[in-house]
Amino acid sequence: MKKAKHMLLPLAMVLFLSFTSVHKFYVSVTNMVYSEEDKAFQITSRIFIDDLDDLMEERYGIKSQLATPDESKLADEYLEKYFRAKFMVEINGKPVKYNFLGKRYDTDVAICYLEIPNINLSDVKSVSVQNEILTDLFDEQQNVVHVKWAGHKKSFVLIKGNNKGMLNL
């Protein structure tokens, strides 16, 4: 009986540790909502802070230390630069400019705010979103994009090999 207890303990430890190991997911979620009141597409993009820290160091060589008291003063500048290179929106087949409004933190996620102002929804025939955020750093990265307008909703899951979604309004 005593021998069985000694054998059972290591087995229990192995089983316990196998279920508590961390599995890393590479995903971002972007919501693009048309605001009738503001006549604008308002965009929020939720991205894991540790992934953005890795990106800043790998791509730009800076230790951003996001969401800490030691956050780099260059973090916002480089984050906006990265978004402009990796996140694009076309309306009616033409690229549109957006304003990068800033970011805030929620636990382990950075929420980035963008806006495409002066959009008359009745003139919009199609919207195309290209989201390559973090696909250059993580092959497994998935970028979920939800587009909402006038009571409708369409979602895309964009990956490295298929990074663009389009919808007709």
N, C-alpha and C. Protein backbone atom coordinates (compact mmCIF):
# COMPACT_ATOMS: atom_id res chain seq x y z
N MET A 1 0.82 -1.20 0.00
CA MET A 1 0.00 0.00 0.00
C MET A 1 0.86 1.25 0.00
N LYS A 2 1.91 1.23 0.85
CA LYS A 2 2.81 2.37 0.94
C LYS A 2 3.52 2.60 -0.39
N LYS A 3 3.90 1.51 -1.04
CA LYS A 3 4.57 1.59 -2.34
C LYS A 3 3.64 2.20 -3.39
N ALA A 4 2.37 1.86 -3.36
CA ALA A 4 1.39 2.40 -4.30
C ALA A 4 1.23 3.91 -4.12
N LYS A 5 1.25 4.38 -2.90
CA LYS A 5 1.15 5.83 -2.63
C LYS A 5 2.34 6.57 -3.22
N HIS A 6 3.52 5.98 -3.07
CA HIS A 6 4.73 6.62 -3.60
C HIS A 6 4.73 6.66 -5.12
N MET A 7 4.12 5.70 -5.76
CA MET A 7 4.04 5.69 -7.22
C MET A 7 2.92 6.60 -7.71
N LEU A 8 1.88 6.71 -6.92
CA LEU A 8 0.74 7.52 -7.30
C LEU A 8 1.05 9.02 -7.26
N LEU A 9 1.87 9.44 -6.32
CA LEU A 9 2.19 10.86 -6.19
C LEU A 9 2.88 11.43 -7.44
N PRO A 10 3.93 10.80 -7.95
CA PRO A 10 4.54 11.34 -9.19
C PRO A 10 3.58 11.34 -10.38
N LEU A 11 2.76 10.30 -10.48
CA LEU A 11 1.78 10.23 -11.56
C LEU A 11 0.78 11.38 -11.45
N ALA A 12 0.31 11.63 -10.24
CA ALA A 12 -0.64 12.73 -10.02
C ALA A 12 0.00 14.08 -10.35
N MET A 13 1.25 14.25 -9.99
CA MET A 13 1.96 15.50 -10.28
C MET A 13 2.08 15.72 -11.80
N VAL A 14 2.44 14.68 -12.53
CA VAL A 14 2.57 14.78 -13.98
C VAL A 14 1.22 15.15 -14.61
N LEU A 15 0.17 14.48 -14.19
CA LEU A 15 -1.17 14.80 -14.72
C LEU A 15 -1.58 16.23 -14.40
N PHE A 16 -1.34 16.67 -13.17
CA PHE A 16 -1.70 18.02 -12.76
C PHE A 16 -0.95 19.06 -13.58
N LEU A 17 0.34 18.86 -13.74
CA LEU A 17 1.15 19.82 -14.48
C LEU A 17 0.80 19.84 -15.96
N SER A 18 0.39 18.72 -16.52
CA SER A 18 0.04 18.70 -17.95
C SER A 18 -1.23 19.50 -18.22
N PHE A 19 -2.12 19.59 -17.25
CA PHE A 19 -3.36 20.35 -17.45
C PHE A 19 -3.21 21.82 -17.10
N THR A 20 -2.17 22.18 -16.37
CA THR A 20 -2.01 23.58 -15.98
C THR A 20 -0.98 24.32 -16.82
N SER A 21 -0.40 23.66 -17.80
CA SER A 21 0.58 24.35 -18.65
C SER A 21 -0.12 25.42 -19.48
N VAL A 22 0.59 26.49 -19.75
CA VAL A 22 0.01 27.61 -20.48
C VAL A 22 0.03 27.32 -21.97
N HIS A 23 -1.09 27.51 -22.60
CA HIS A 23 -1.16 27.39 -24.05
C HIS A 23 -1.32 28.80 -24.61
N LYS A 24 -0.41 29.21 -25.46
CA LYS A 24 -0.40 30.58 -25.99
C LYS A 24 -1.28 30.67 -27.23
N PHE A 25 -2.19 31.63 -27.20
CA PHE A 25 -3.02 31.92 -28.35
C PHE A 25 -2.56 33.23 -28.96
N TYR A 26 -2.54 33.31 -30.26
CA TYR A 26 -2.16 34.53 -30.96
C TYR A 26 -3.41 35.04 -31.68
N VAL A 27 -4.10 35.97 -31.05
CA VAL A 27 -5.35 36.47 -31.61
C VAL A 27 -5.53 37.94 -31.24
N SER A 28 -6.13 38.68 -32.15
CA SER A 28 -6.58 40.04 -31.86
C SER A 28 -8.05 40.11 -32.28
N VAL A 29 -8.76 41.05 -31.67
CA VAL A 29 -10.17 41.25 -32.03
C VAL A 29 -10.36 42.73 -32.34
N THR A 30 -10.86 43.00 -33.54
CA THR A 30 -11.09 44.37 -33.99
C THR A 30 -12.58 44.55 -34.27
N ASN A 31 -13.15 45.58 -33.68
CA ASN A 31 -14.55 45.94 -33.92
C ASN A 31 -14.58 47.24 -34.71
N MET A 32 -15.30 47.23 -35.80
CA MET A 32 -15.46 48.41 -36.66
C MET A 32 -16.95 48.70 -36.73
N VAL A 33 -17.38 49.77 -36.09
CA VAL A 33 -18.80 50.08 -35.95
C VAL A 33 -19.09 51.43 -36.59
N TYR A 34 -20.13 51.46 -37.42
CA TYR A 34 -20.53 52.74 -38.01
C TYR A 34 -21.42 53.48 -37.02
N SER A 35 -21.05 54.73 -36.73
CA SER A 35 -21.83 55.58 -35.84
C SER A 35 -22.63 56.58 -36.68
N GLU A 36 -23.95 56.42 -36.66
CA GLU A 36 -24.84 57.36 -37.38
C GLU A 36 -24.66 58.77 -36.84
N GLU A 37 -24.56 58.87 -35.52
CA GLU A 37 -24.45 60.17 -34.87
C GLU A 37 -23.19 60.93 -35.29
N ASP A 38 -22.07 60.21 -35.35
CA ASP A 38 -20.79 60.85 -35.69
C ASP A 38 -20.45 60.77 -37.17
N LYS A 39 -21.25 60.03 -37.95
CA LYS A 39 -20.96 59.83 -39.38
C LYS A 39 -19.53 59.34 -39.57
N ALA A 40 -19.19 58.28 -38.80
CA ALA A 40 -17.82 57.78 -38.81
C ALA A 40 -17.81 56.29 -38.49
N PHE A 41 -16.78 55.59 -39.00
CA PHE A 41 -16.51 54.23 -38.55
C PHE A 41 -15.58 54.36 -37.35
N GLN A 42 -16.00 53.82 -36.23
CA GLN A 42 -15.19 53.83 -35.01
C GLN A 42 -14.63 52.43 -34.81
N ILE A 43 -13.32 52.36 -34.62
CA ILE A 43 -12.62 51.09 -34.62
C ILE A 43 -11.89 50.90 -33.30
N THR A 44 -12.08 49.74 -32.69
CA THR A 44 -11.28 49.36 -31.53
C THR A 44 -10.60 48.04 -31.85
N SER A 45 -9.34 47.96 -31.50
CA SER A 45 -8.58 46.74 -31.75
C SER A 45 -7.95 46.29 -30.44
N ARG A 46 -8.26 45.08 -30.03
CA ARG A 46 -7.77 44.51 -28.77
C ARG A 46 -6.65 43.52 -29.08
N ILE A 47 -5.45 43.82 -28.51
CA ILE A 47 -4.26 43.02 -28.80
C ILE A 47 -3.53 42.75 -27.48
N PHE A 48 -3.04 41.53 -27.31
CA PHE A 48 -2.33 41.21 -26.08
C PHE A 48 -1.07 42.07 -25.93
N ILE A 49 -0.90 42.62 -24.73
CA ILE A 49 0.21 43.52 -24.44
C ILE A 49 1.55 42.83 -24.64
N ASP A 50 1.70 41.60 -24.17
CA ASP A 50 3.00 40.92 -24.30
C ASP A 50 3.37 40.70 -25.76
N ASP A 51 2.38 40.46 -26.61
CA ASP A 51 2.65 40.31 -28.04
C ASP A 51 3.12 41.64 -28.64
N LEU A 52 2.50 42.74 -28.23
CA LEU A 52 2.93 44.06 -28.71
C LEU A 52 4.33 44.40 -28.21
N ASP A 53 4.64 44.05 -26.97
CA ASP A 53 6.00 44.27 -26.45
C ASP A 53 7.02 43.50 -27.30
N ASP A 54 6.70 42.23 -27.60
CA ASP A 54 7.60 41.42 -28.45
C ASP A 54 7.76 42.07 -29.82
N LEU A 55 6.66 42.54 -30.37
CA LEU A 55 6.69 43.18 -31.68
C LEU A 55 7.58 44.42 -31.67
N MET A 56 7.40 45.28 -30.69
CA MET A 56 8.17 46.53 -30.62
C MET A 56 9.68 46.25 -30.56
N GLU A 57 10.04 45.22 -29.79
CA GLU A 57 11.46 44.90 -29.68
C GLU A 57 11.98 44.28 -30.97
N GLU A 58 11.22 43.33 -31.53
CA GLU A 58 11.65 42.63 -32.75
C GLU A 58 11.72 43.56 -33.96
N ARG A 59 10.67 44.38 -34.14
CA ARG A 59 10.58 45.18 -35.35
C ARG A 59 11.31 46.52 -35.25
N TYR A 60 11.24 47.17 -34.08
CA TYR A 60 11.78 48.52 -33.95
C TYR A 60 12.97 48.62 -32.99
N GLY A 61 13.27 47.53 -32.30
CA GLY A 61 14.41 47.53 -31.39
C GLY A 61 14.21 48.34 -30.13
N ILE A 62 12.96 48.56 -29.71
CA ILE A 62 12.73 49.30 -28.47
C ILE A 62 12.05 48.39 -27.45
N LYS A 63 12.41 48.59 -26.21
CA LYS A 63 11.74 47.89 -25.11
C LYS A 63 10.59 48.79 -24.67
N SER A 64 9.41 48.49 -25.18
CA SER A 64 8.26 49.38 -24.96
C SER A 64 7.73 49.32 -23.54
N GLN A 65 7.79 48.17 -22.90
CA GLN A 65 7.30 47.98 -21.54
C GLN A 65 5.90 48.56 -21.36
N LEU A 66 5.02 48.20 -22.28
CA LEU A 66 3.65 48.73 -22.27
C LEU A 66 2.95 48.41 -20.96
N ALA A 67 2.10 49.31 -20.54
CA ALA A 67 1.27 49.18 -19.34
C ALA A 67 2.08 49.12 -18.05
N THR A 68 3.29 49.65 -18.09
CA THR A 68 4.12 49.72 -16.87
C THR A 68 4.51 51.18 -16.65
N PRO A 69 4.96 51.51 -15.46
CA PRO A 69 5.43 52.88 -15.21
C PRO A 69 6.63 53.26 -16.08
N ASP A 70 7.35 52.25 -16.60
CA ASP A 70 8.53 52.50 -17.43
C ASP A 70 8.23 52.44 -18.93
N GLU A 71 6.96 52.59 -19.31
CA GLU A 71 6.59 52.52 -20.72
C GLU A 71 7.39 53.54 -21.53
N SER A 72 7.89 53.09 -22.67
CA SER A 72 8.69 53.96 -23.54
C SER A 72 7.86 55.14 -24.04
N LYS A 73 8.49 56.29 -24.08
CA LYS A 73 7.82 57.49 -24.61
C LYS A 73 7.56 57.35 -26.11
N LEU A 74 8.25 56.43 -26.77
CA LEU A 74 8.09 56.21 -28.20
C LEU A 74 7.01 55.18 -28.53
N ALA A 75 6.42 54.56 -27.52
CA ALA A 75 5.48 53.45 -27.74
C ALA A 75 4.31 53.86 -28.63
N ASP A 76 3.65 54.98 -28.33
CA ASP A 76 2.50 55.39 -29.13
C ASP A 76 2.89 55.68 -30.58
N GLU A 77 4.02 56.34 -30.75
CA GLU A 77 4.49 56.68 -32.09
C GLU A 77 4.73 55.41 -32.93
N TYR A 78 5.41 54.42 -32.33
CA TYR A 78 5.69 53.20 -33.07
C TYR A 78 4.45 52.33 -33.24
N LEU A 79 3.56 52.36 -32.27
CA LEU A 79 2.31 51.61 -32.41
C LEU A 79 1.48 52.16 -33.56
N GLU A 80 1.38 53.47 -33.66
CA GLU A 80 0.65 54.09 -34.78
C GLU A 80 1.33 53.76 -36.11
N LYS A 81 2.66 53.85 -36.14
CA LYS A 81 3.40 53.53 -37.36
C LYS A 81 3.13 52.10 -37.81
N TYR A 82 3.10 51.19 -36.84
CA TYR A 82 2.85 49.79 -37.15
C TYR A 82 1.43 49.60 -37.68
N PHE A 83 0.44 50.22 -37.04
CA PHE A 83 -0.94 50.12 -37.52
C PHE A 83 -1.06 50.63 -38.95
N ARG A 84 -0.44 51.74 -39.25
CA ARG A 84 -0.53 52.30 -40.60
C ARG A 84 0.06 51.37 -41.65
N ALA A 85 1.06 50.58 -41.25
CA ALA A 85 1.67 49.63 -42.19
C ALA A 85 0.88 48.33 -42.31
N LYS A 86 0.15 47.94 -41.25
CA LYS A 86 -0.45 46.60 -41.21
C LYS A 86 -1.97 46.57 -41.15
N PHE A 87 -2.63 47.71 -41.01
CA PHE A 87 -4.09 47.73 -40.94
C PHE A 87 -4.61 48.76 -41.93
N MET A 88 -5.35 48.28 -42.95
CA MET A 88 -5.86 49.16 -43.99
C MET A 88 -7.35 48.94 -44.22
N VAL A 89 -8.04 50.02 -44.55
CA VAL A 89 -9.46 49.94 -44.86
C VAL A 89 -9.68 50.61 -46.21
N GLU A 90 -10.49 49.95 -47.04
CA GLU A 90 -10.92 50.54 -48.32
C GLU A 90 -12.43 50.67 -48.29
N ILE A 91 -12.91 51.79 -48.78
CA ILE A 91 -14.34 51.99 -48.95
C ILE A 91 -14.58 52.24 -50.43
N ASN A 92 -15.49 51.45 -51.00
CA ASN A 92 -15.78 51.51 -52.44
C ASN A 92 -14.51 51.32 -53.27
N GLY A 93 -13.63 50.42 -52.79
CA GLY A 93 -12.41 50.09 -53.53
C GLY A 93 -11.27 51.07 -53.40
N LYS A 94 -11.44 52.13 -52.58
CA LYS A 94 -10.38 53.13 -52.43
C LYS A 94 -9.89 53.17 -50.98
N PRO A 95 -8.56 53.19 -50.79
CA PRO A 95 -8.02 53.26 -49.43
C PRO A 95 -8.51 54.54 -48.73
N VAL A 96 -8.85 54.41 -47.45
CA VAL A 96 -9.26 55.58 -46.67
C VAL A 96 -8.28 55.79 -45.53
N LYS A 97 -8.14 57.05 -45.16
CA LYS A 97 -7.27 57.39 -44.03
C LYS A 97 -8.08 57.30 -42.75
N TYR A 98 -7.40 56.93 -41.70
CA TYR A 98 -8.04 56.90 -40.39
C TYR A 98 -7.18 57.66 -39.40
N ASN A 99 -7.83 58.11 -38.34
CA ASN A 99 -7.13 58.77 -37.25
C ASN A 99 -6.79 57.73 -36.19
N PHE A 100 -5.55 57.73 -35.75
CA PHE A 100 -5.14 56.89 -34.63
C PHE A 100 -5.36 57.73 -33.39
N LEU A 101 -6.35 57.37 -32.58
CA LEU A 101 -6.75 58.21 -31.45
C LEU A 101 -5.99 57.91 -30.17
N GLY A 102 -5.40 56.72 -30.07
CA GLY A 102 -4.66 56.37 -28.86
C GLY A 102 -4.97 54.96 -28.41
N LYS A 103 -4.59 54.69 -27.16
CA LYS A 103 -4.77 53.36 -26.61
C LYS A 103 -5.02 53.46 -25.11
N ARG A 104 -5.55 52.37 -24.57
CA ARG A 104 -5.65 52.20 -23.12
C ARG A 104 -5.45 50.73 -22.84
N TYR A 105 -5.31 50.41 -21.57
CA TYR A 105 -5.04 49.03 -21.19
C TYR A 105 -6.19 48.46 -20.35
N ASP A 106 -6.45 47.18 -20.56
CA ASP A 106 -7.44 46.45 -19.79
C ASP A 106 -6.84 45.10 -19.45
N THR A 107 -6.38 44.96 -18.24
CA THR A 107 -5.69 43.76 -17.75
C THR A 107 -4.48 43.46 -18.64
N ASP A 108 -4.54 42.43 -19.49
CA ASP A 108 -3.39 42.04 -20.31
C ASP A 108 -3.57 42.42 -21.78
N VAL A 109 -4.51 43.32 -22.06
CA VAL A 109 -4.83 43.69 -23.44
C VAL A 109 -4.68 45.20 -23.63
N ALA A 110 -4.11 45.57 -24.78
CA ALA A 110 -4.09 46.97 -25.20
C ALA A 110 -5.29 47.17 -26.12
N ILE A 111 -6.03 48.24 -25.88
CA ILE A 111 -7.16 48.57 -26.75
C ILE A 111 -6.77 49.83 -27.52
N CYS A 112 -6.65 49.69 -28.82
CA CYS A 112 -6.26 50.80 -29.69
C CYS A 112 -7.52 51.37 -30.35
N TYR A 113 -7.58 52.71 -30.41
CA TYR A 113 -8.76 53.39 -30.95
C TYR A 113 -8.41 54.10 -32.25
N LEU A 114 -9.22 53.83 -33.28
CA LEU A 114 -9.06 54.45 -34.59
C LEU A 114 -10.42 54.99 -35.02
N GLU A 115 -10.41 55.94 -35.94
CA GLU A 115 -11.67 56.45 -36.46
C GLU A 115 -11.51 56.88 -37.91
N ILE A 116 -12.51 56.53 -38.72
CA ILE A 116 -12.59 57.00 -40.10
C ILE A 116 -13.74 58.01 -40.12
N PRO A 117 -13.42 59.30 -40.13
CA PRO A 117 -14.47 60.32 -40.04
C PRO A 117 -15.10 60.65 -41.40
N ASN A 118 -16.19 61.40 -41.33
CA ASN A 118 -16.85 61.96 -42.52
C ASN A 118 -17.28 60.89 -43.53
N ILE A 119 -17.98 59.88 -43.05
CA ILE A 119 -18.46 58.80 -43.92
C ILE A 119 -19.99 58.88 -43.98
N ASN A 120 -20.50 59.02 -45.18
CA ASN A 120 -21.95 58.98 -45.38
C ASN A 120 -22.30 57.55 -45.78
N LEU A 121 -22.95 56.82 -44.87
CA LEU A 121 -23.20 55.39 -45.08
C LEU A 121 -23.98 55.11 -46.37
N SER A 122 -24.85 56.02 -46.77
CA SER A 122 -25.63 55.79 -48.00
C SER A 122 -24.75 55.79 -49.25
N ASP A 123 -23.56 56.36 -49.17
CA ASP A 123 -22.63 56.36 -50.29
C ASP A 123 -21.71 55.13 -50.31
N VAL A 124 -21.74 54.36 -49.24
CA VAL A 124 -20.84 53.22 -49.12
C VAL A 124 -21.46 51.99 -49.77
N LYS A 125 -20.77 51.44 -50.75
CA LYS A 125 -21.21 50.22 -51.44
C LYS A 125 -20.45 49.00 -50.95
N SER A 126 -19.16 49.19 -50.60
CA SER A 126 -18.35 48.08 -50.12
C SER A 126 -17.31 48.57 -49.11
N VAL A 127 -16.96 47.67 -48.20
CA VAL A 127 -15.91 47.93 -47.20
C VAL A 127 -14.97 46.74 -47.22
N SER A 128 -13.69 47.03 -47.29
CA SER A 128 -12.67 45.99 -47.29
C SER A 128 -11.70 46.29 -46.15
N VAL A 129 -11.37 45.26 -45.37
CA VAL A 129 -10.45 45.42 -44.25
C VAL A 129 -9.29 44.46 -44.43
N GLN A 130 -8.09 45.00 -44.40
CA GLN A 130 -6.88 44.18 -44.43
C GLN A 130 -6.20 44.33 -43.08
N ASN A 131 -6.05 43.22 -42.38
CA ASN A 131 -5.47 43.25 -41.04
C ASN A 131 -4.32 42.25 -40.97
N GLU A 132 -3.11 42.78 -40.96
CA GLU A 132 -1.90 41.95 -40.87
C GLU A 132 -1.21 42.13 -39.52
N ILE A 133 -1.94 42.65 -38.53
CA ILE A 133 -1.35 42.89 -37.22
C ILE A 133 -0.77 41.59 -36.67
N LEU A 134 0.49 41.62 -36.33
CA LEU A 134 1.27 40.54 -35.71
C LEU A 134 1.48 39.31 -36.59
N THR A 135 0.96 39.28 -37.81
CA THR A 135 1.19 38.10 -38.66
C THR A 135 2.64 38.02 -39.13
N ASP A 136 3.36 39.13 -39.07
CA ASP A 136 4.78 39.10 -39.44
C ASP A 136 5.64 38.55 -38.30
N LEU A 137 5.08 38.48 -37.10
CA LEU A 137 5.83 37.97 -35.95
C LEU A 137 5.39 36.56 -35.55
N PHE A 138 4.10 36.28 -35.69
CA PHE A 138 3.56 34.98 -35.27
C PHE A 138 2.81 34.34 -36.44
N ASP A 139 3.28 33.20 -36.91
CA ASP A 139 2.61 32.51 -38.02
C ASP A 139 1.20 32.07 -37.65
N GLU A 140 0.95 31.80 -36.35
CA GLU A 140 -0.35 31.32 -35.90
C GLU A 140 -1.35 32.45 -35.63
N GLN A 141 -0.92 33.69 -35.82
CA GLN A 141 -1.77 34.85 -35.49
C GLN A 141 -3.09 34.81 -36.27
N GLN A 142 -4.18 35.05 -35.54
CA GLN A 142 -5.50 35.19 -36.15
C GLN A 142 -6.06 36.55 -35.74
N ASN A 143 -6.56 37.29 -36.71
CA ASN A 143 -7.14 38.60 -36.46
C ASN A 143 -8.63 38.54 -36.79
N VAL A 144 -9.43 38.59 -35.75
CA VAL A 144 -10.88 38.56 -35.90
C VAL A 144 -11.35 39.99 -36.11
N VAL A 145 -12.15 40.21 -37.15
CA VAL A 145 -12.66 41.55 -37.45
C VAL A 145 -14.19 41.48 -37.52
N HIS A 146 -14.85 42.32 -36.71
CA HIS A 146 -16.31 42.44 -36.73
C HIS A 146 -16.65 43.81 -37.31
N VAL A 147 -17.49 43.84 -38.33
CA VAL A 147 -17.94 45.10 -38.92
C VAL A 147 -19.44 45.21 -38.68
N LYS A 148 -19.86 46.33 -38.07
CA LYS A 148 -21.28 46.54 -37.77
C LYS A 148 -21.73 47.86 -38.39
N TRP A 149 -22.90 47.82 -39.03
CA TRP A 149 -23.47 49.02 -39.64
C TRP A 149 -24.98 48.84 -39.76
N ALA A 150 -25.72 49.85 -39.47
CA ALA A 150 -27.18 49.90 -39.67
C ALA A 150 -27.89 48.59 -39.31
N GLY A 151 -27.59 48.03 -38.16
CA GLY A 151 -28.24 46.80 -37.72
C GLY A 151 -27.69 45.52 -38.32
N HIS A 152 -26.66 45.60 -39.14
CA HIS A 152 -26.04 44.42 -39.75
C HIS A 152 -24.68 44.17 -39.10
N LYS A 153 -24.24 42.91 -39.18
CA LYS A 153 -22.93 42.56 -38.65
C LYS A 153 -22.32 41.48 -39.54
N LYS A 154 -21.04 41.65 -39.85
CA LYS A 154 -20.28 40.66 -40.63
C LYS A 154 -18.94 40.48 -39.92
N SER A 155 -18.48 39.25 -39.84
CA SER A 155 -17.21 38.96 -39.18
C SER A 155 -16.28 38.20 -40.11
N PHE A 156 -14.99 38.43 -39.93
CA PHE A 156 -13.94 37.75 -40.69
C PHE A 156 -12.90 37.23 -39.70
N VAL A 157 -12.28 36.12 -40.02
CA VAL A 157 -11.08 35.68 -39.32
C VAL A 157 -9.97 35.74 -40.35
N LEU A 158 -9.04 36.66 -40.12
CA LEU A 158 -7.96 36.89 -41.08
C LEU A 158 -6.67 36.29 -40.55
N ILE A 159 -5.93 35.64 -41.43
CA ILE A 159 -4.67 34.99 -41.08
C ILE A 159 -3.59 35.44 -42.06
N LYS A 160 -2.38 34.98 -41.83
CA LYS A 160 -1.24 35.39 -42.64
C LYS A 160 -1.49 35.21 -44.13
N GLY A 161 -1.99 34.08 -44.55
CA GLY A 161 -2.21 33.80 -45.97
C GLY A 161 -3.51 34.35 -46.52
N ASN A 162 -4.40 34.79 -45.66
CA ASN A 162 -5.70 35.33 -46.08
C ASN A 162 -6.02 36.51 -45.16
N ASN A 163 -5.43 37.66 -45.47
CA ASN A 163 -5.44 38.79 -44.54
C ASN A 163 -6.44 39.90 -44.91
N LYS A 164 -7.35 39.63 -45.83
CA LYS A 164 -8.27 40.69 -46.28
C LYS A 164 -9.70 40.16 -46.34
N GLY A 165 -10.62 40.92 -45.79
CA GLY A 165 -12.03 40.57 -45.85
C GLY A 165 -12.80 41.70 -46.49
N MET A 166 -13.83 41.36 -47.28
CA MET A 166 -14.61 42.38 -47.97
C MET A 166 -16.09 42.09 -47.81
N LEU A 167 -16.86 43.15 -47.69
CA LEU A 167 -18.31 42.99 -47.64
C LEU A 167 -18.97 44.06 -48.50
N ASN A 168 -20.08 43.67 -49.08
CA ASN A 168 -20.88 44.60 -49.86
C ASN A 168 -22.07 45.05 -49.01
N LEU A 169 -22.30 46.34 -49.00
CA LEU A 169 -23.41 46.86 -48.19
C LEU A 169 -24.67 46.97 -49.01
